[in-house]
Amino acid sequence: NQTSTYGGSKGKVKVELKKKKNVDTT
């Protein structure tokens, strides 16, 4: 996962937020 590698933990948080958003929109 490029996002996880980029920005370290910050990137991970972004991925988690994106996942949450996807769940909300779906």
PDB file of N, CA and C in Angstrom:
ATOM      1  N   ASN A   1       0.851  -1.203   0.000  1.00  0.00           N
ATOM      2  CA  ASN A   1       0.000   0.000   0.000  1.00  0.00           C
ATOM      3  C   ASN A   1       0.873   1.234   0.000  1.00  0.00           C
ATOM      4  N   GLN A   2       0.746   2.053  -1.031  1.00  0.00           N
ATOM      5  CA  GLN A   2       1.576   3.246  -1.146  1.00  0.00           C
ATOM      6  C   GLN A   2       1.244   4.260  -0.051  1.00  0.00           C
ATOM      7  N   THR A   3      -0.030   4.416   0.253  1.00  0.00           N
ATOM      8  CA  THR A   3      -0.428   5.427   1.235  1.00  0.00           C
ATOM      9  C   THR A   3       0.156   5.108   2.606  1.00  0.00           C
ATOM     10  N   SER A   4       0.177   3.824   2.969  1.00  0.00           N
ATOM     11  CA  SER A   4       0.689   3.432   4.279  1.00  0.00           C
ATOM     12  C   SER A   4       2.178   3.768   4.375  1.00  0.00           C
ATOM     13  N   THR A   5       2.925   3.494   3.303  1.00  0.00           N
ATOM     14  CA  THR A   5       4.359   3.768   3.304  1.00  0.00           C
ATOM     15  C   THR A   5       4.601   5.268   3.322  1.00  0.00           C
ATOM     16  N   TYR A   6       3.783   6.010   2.607  1.00  0.00           N
ATOM     17  CA  TYR A   6       3.958   7.472   2.522  1.00  0.00           C
ATOM     18  C   TYR A   6       3.348   8.129   3.748  1.00  0.00           C
ATOM     19  N   GLY A   7       4.205   8.789   4.544  1.00  0.00           N
ATOM     20  CA  GLY A   7       3.707   9.501   5.706  1.00  0.00           C
ATOM     21  C   GLY A   7       3.652   8.643   6.955  1.00  0.00           C
ATOM     22  N   GLY A   8       4.027   7.393   6.842  1.00  0.00           N
ATOM     23  CA  GLY A   8       4.068   6.526   8.020  1.00  0.00           C
ATOM     24  C   GLY A   8       2.715   6.423   8.701  1.00  0.00           C
ATOM     25  N   SER A   9       2.681   6.689  10.001  1.00  0.00           N
ATOM     26  CA  SER A   9       1.433   6.554  10.753  1.00  0.00           C
ATOM     27  C   SER A   9       0.389   7.542  10.247  1.00  0.00           C
ATOM     28  N   LYS A  10       0.846   8.726   9.847  1.00  0.00           N
ATOM     29  CA  LYS A  10      -0.102   9.728   9.339  1.00  0.00           C
ATOM     30  C   LYS A  10      -0.832   9.171   8.128  1.00  0.00           C
ATOM     31  N   GLY A  11      -0.086   8.499   7.259  1.00  0.00           N
ATOM     32  CA  GLY A  11      -0.704   7.902   6.079  1.00  0.00           C
ATOM     33  C   GLY A  11      -1.702   6.832   6.480  1.00  0.00           C
ATOM     34  N   LYS A  12      -1.355   6.089   7.521  1.00  0.00           N
ATOM     35  CA  LYS A  12      -2.254   5.023   7.993  1.00  0.00           C
ATOM     36  C   LYS A  12      -3.577   5.637   8.443  1.00  0.00           C
ATOM     37  N   VAL A  13      -3.489   6.734   9.179  1.00  0.00           N
ATOM     38  CA  VAL A  13      -4.710   7.398   9.655  1.00  0.00           C
ATOM     39  C   VAL A  13      -5.552   7.827   8.461  1.00  0.00           C
ATOM     40  N   LYS A  14      -4.859   8.354   7.422  1.00  0.00           N
ATOM     41  CA  LYS A  14      -5.589   8.782   6.226  1.00  0.00           C
ATOM     42  C   LYS A  14      -6.303   7.606   5.589  1.00  0.00           C
ATOM     43  N   VAL A  15      -5.632   6.464   5.539  1.00  0.00           N
ATOM     44  CA  VAL A  15      -6.245   5.269   4.947  1.00  0.00           C
ATOM     45  C   VAL A  15      -7.463   4.858   5.767  1.00  0.00           C
ATOM     46  N   GLU A  16      -7.325   4.910   7.085  1.00  0.00           N
ATOM     47  CA  GLU A  16      -8.446   4.517   7.945  1.00  0.00           C
ATOM     48  C   GLU A  16      -9.623   5.459   7.726  1.00  0.00           C
ATOM     49  N   LEU A  17      -9.342   6.753   7.620  1.00  0.00           N
ATOM     50  CA  LEU A  17     -10.404   7.725   7.384  1.00  0.00           C
ATOM     51  C   LEU A  17     -11.080   7.438   6.056  1.00  0.00           C
ATOM     52  N   LYS A  18     -10.272   7.133   5.046  1.00  0.00           N
ATOM     53  CA  LYS A  18     -10.823   6.829   3.726  1.00  0.00           C
ATOM     54  C   LYS A  18     -11.723   5.602   3.821  1.00  0.00           C
ATOM     55  N   LYS A  19     -11.274   4.597   4.548  1.00  0.00           N
ATOM     56  CA  LYS A  19     -12.068   3.373   4.702  1.00  0.00           C
ATOM     57  C   LYS A  19     -13.393   3.705   5.379  1.00  0.00           C
ATOM     58  N   LYS A  20     -13.332   4.519   6.423  1.00  0.00           N
ATOM     59  CA  LYS A  20     -14.555   4.897   7.143  1.00  0.00           C
ATOM     60  C   LYS A  20     -15.498   5.642   6.201  1.00  0.00           C
ATOM     61  N   LYS A  21     -14.935   6.539   5.407  1.00  0.00           N
ATOM     62  CA  LYS A  21     -15.753   7.304   4.469  1.00  0.00           C
ATOM     63  C   LYS A  21     -16.422   6.364   3.479  1.00  0.00           C
ATOM     64  N   ASN A  22     -15.667   5.386   3.007  1.00  0.00           N
ATOM     65  CA  ASN A  22     -16.221   4.429   2.052  1.00  0.00           C
ATOM     66  C   ASN A  22     -17.393   3.681   2.685  1.00  0.00           C
ATOM     67  N   VAL A  23     -17.234   3.297   3.933  1.00  0.00           N
ATOM     68  CA  VAL A  23     -18.303   2.564   4.621  1.00  0.00           C
ATOM     69  C   VAL A  23     -19.525   3.474   4.762  1.00  0.00           C
ATOM     70  N   ASP A  24     -19.284   4.743   5.074  1.00  0.00           N
ATOM     71  CA  ASP A  24     -20.397   5.672   5.262  1.00  0.00           C
ATOM     72  C   ASP A  24     -21.145   5.902   3.952  1.00  0.00           C
ATOM     73  N   THR A  25     -20.391   6.067   2.862  1.00  0.00           N
ATOM     74  CA  THR A  25     -21.035   6.363   1.584  1.00  0.00           C
ATOM     75  C   THR A  25     -21.723   5.135   1.028  1.00  0.00           C
ATOM     76  N   THR A  26     -21.197   3.986   1.308  1.00  0.00           N
ATOM     77  CA  THR A  26     -21.790   2.768   0.742  1.00  0.00           C
ATOM     78  C   THR A  26     -23.113   2.451   1.417  1.00  0.00           C
TER      79      THR A  26
END
